[in-house]
Amino acid sequence: MNFGFWDVGLPLIVLAALAVAVPVVTVPRGAIDQGRLAVGMGLAAAVVFAGALGWFTLFHWQAGDGFRWGAVLRPALMTAMVWGPVWALVWLVRAQGVERRKGEAAARAGLDLGSGD
């Protein structure tokens, strides 16, 4: 495998972009439950990882190599070092949005969430 832009850079850029874009589809915009967010983000991670598997399977097919799970899984897992932190940051931002919506809903309902006395 070469280590040029087309072989390494482009897949990492595409997978990082998928880590940002896929949660838009898998997590409902108005989600008010952290559990639903976790399910959607887990689904997003699975989709991005499947994309990485497909990408590296295509590379091995183009090179004429016989399919071996280790030759495909290893680089797909290694790409998670790039898209994983991006995905985690997206999850953090989405979780903050869920908590903001929960607070707004409580304020509309007239609940005082700050009084612990």
Protein backbone atom coordinates (compact mmCIF):
# COMPACT_ATOMS: atom_id res chain seq x y z
CA MET A 1 0.00 0.00 0.00
CA ASN A 2 1.26 3.46 -0.88
CA PHE A 3 1.09 6.23 1.65
CA GLY A 4 -0.01 9.02 -0.67
CA PHE A 5 -2.98 11.34 -0.45
CA TRP A 6 -5.28 9.05 -2.45
CA ASP A 7 -4.45 5.98 -0.33
CA VAL A 8 -4.36 7.50 3.16
CA GLY A 9 -5.39 11.16 3.20
CA LEU A 10 -8.61 10.92 1.22
CA PRO A 11 -10.02 7.95 3.16
CA LEU A 12 -9.32 9.69 6.47
CA ILE A 13 -10.94 12.92 5.30
CA VAL A 14 -14.00 11.06 3.99
CA LEU A 15 -14.38 8.99 7.17
CA ALA A 16 -13.99 12.05 9.41
CA ALA A 17 -16.65 13.82 7.33
CA LEU A 18 -18.91 10.79 7.69
CA ALA A 19 -18.39 10.89 11.47
CA VAL A 20 -19.86 14.40 11.41
CA ALA A 21 -22.58 13.83 8.79
CA VAL A 22 -24.03 10.43 9.72
CA PRO A 23 -25.30 11.48 13.20
CA VAL A 24 -27.48 14.08 11.45
CA VAL A 25 -29.40 11.14 10.00
CA THR A 26 -29.21 8.65 12.90
CA VAL A 27 -30.11 10.99 15.78
CA PRO A 28 -33.44 12.82 15.65
CA ARG A 29 -33.04 16.61 15.66
CA GLY A 30 -35.29 17.21 18.67
CA ALA A 31 -34.08 14.27 20.78
CA ILE A 32 -34.59 14.92 24.47
CA ASP A 33 -33.31 11.57 25.75
CA GLN A 34 -29.65 10.66 26.25
CA GLY A 35 -30.48 6.99 25.62
CA ARG A 36 -31.85 7.77 22.17
CA LEU A 37 -28.75 9.85 21.51
CA ALA A 38 -26.49 6.95 22.54
CA VAL A 39 -28.32 4.54 20.22
CA GLY A 40 -28.09 6.97 17.32
CA MET A 41 -24.41 7.67 17.91
CA GLY A 42 -23.67 3.95 18.19
CA LEU A 43 -25.43 3.42 14.88
CA ALA A 44 -23.42 6.28 13.38
CA ALA A 45 -20.15 4.69 14.57
CA ALA A 46 -21.21 1.37 13.03
CA VAL A 47 -22.00 3.06 9.71
CA VAL A 48 -18.65 4.89 9.64
CA PHE A 49 -16.79 1.70 10.54
CA ALA A 50 -18.68 -0.18 7.80
CA GLY A 51 -17.61 2.57 5.41
CA ALA A 52 -13.99 2.05 6.47
CA LEU A 53 -14.32 -1.69 5.94
CA GLY A 54 -15.81 -1.11 2.50
CA TRP A 55 -13.10 1.36 1.58
CA PHE A 56 -10.25 -0.98 2.48
CA THR A 57 -11.98 -3.98 0.93
CA LEU A 58 -12.14 -1.97 -2.30
CA PHE A 59 -8.43 -1.12 -2.02
CA HIS A 60 -7.49 -4.79 -1.65
CA TRP A 61 -9.75 -5.77 -4.51
CA GLN A 62 -8.15 -3.13 -6.78
CA ALA A 63 -4.67 -4.33 -5.82
CA GLY A 64 -5.61 -7.87 -6.80
CA ASP A 65 -4.96 -9.22 -3.31
CA GLY A 66 -7.00 -12.10 -2.01
CA PHE A 67 -9.48 -11.10 0.65
CA ARG A 68 -8.19 -11.55 4.19
CA TRP A 69 -10.08 -10.25 7.21
CA GLY A 70 -6.89 -9.13 8.96
CA ALA A 71 -5.78 -7.12 5.96
CA VAL A 72 -9.09 -5.23 5.94
CA LEU A 73 -9.94 -5.02 9.65
CA ARG A 74 -6.58 -3.68 10.80
CA PRO A 75 -6.54 -0.51 8.66
CA ALA A 76 -10.27 0.02 9.25
CA LEU A 77 -9.70 -0.10 13.01
CA MET A 78 -6.69 2.19 12.71
CA THR A 79 -8.78 4.83 10.97
CA ALA A 80 -10.87 5.04 14.14
CA MET A 81 -7.93 6.91 15.67
CA VAL A 82 -8.81 9.76 13.30
CA TRP A 83 -12.59 9.65 13.02
CA GLY A 84 -13.17 8.41 16.58
CA PRO A 85 -12.27 11.70 18.31
CA VAL A 86 -14.30 13.63 15.73
CA TRP A 87 -17.24 11.32 16.40
CA ALA A 88 -16.80 11.75 20.18
CA LEU A 89 -16.80 15.54 19.81
CA VAL A 90 -20.00 15.36 17.77
CA TRP A 91 -21.52 13.22 20.54
CA LEU A 92 -20.50 15.78 23.17
CA VAL A 93 -22.07 18.64 21.21
CA ARG A 94 -25.24 16.62 20.64
CA ALA A 95 -25.41 15.67 24.35
CA GLN A 96 -25.17 19.33 25.29
CA GLY A 97 -28.05 20.03 22.92
CA VAL A 98 -30.14 17.31 24.57
CA GLU A 99 -29.48 18.79 28.02
CA ARG A 100 -30.30 22.28 26.74
CA ARG A 101 -33.62 21.06 25.34
CA LYS A 102 -34.39 19.28 28.62
CA GLY A 103 -33.73 22.51 30.53
CA GLU A 104 -35.89 24.52 28.14
CA ALA A 105 -38.72 21.99 28.48
CA ALA A 106 -38.45 22.16 32.28
CA ALA A 107 -38.51 25.97 32.18
CA ARG A 108 -41.61 25.95 29.99
CA ALA A 109 -43.26 23.57 32.43
CA GLY A 110 -42.38 25.88 35.32
CA LEU A 111 -40.07 23.43 37.07
CA ASP A 112 -37.28 24.78 39.23
CA LEU A 113 -34.33 22.48 38.54
CA GLY A 114 -31.89 24.55 40.62
CA SER A 115 -33.48 24.10 44.02
CA GLY A 116 -32.04 21.10 45.78
CA ASP A 117 -33.16 22.20 49.27
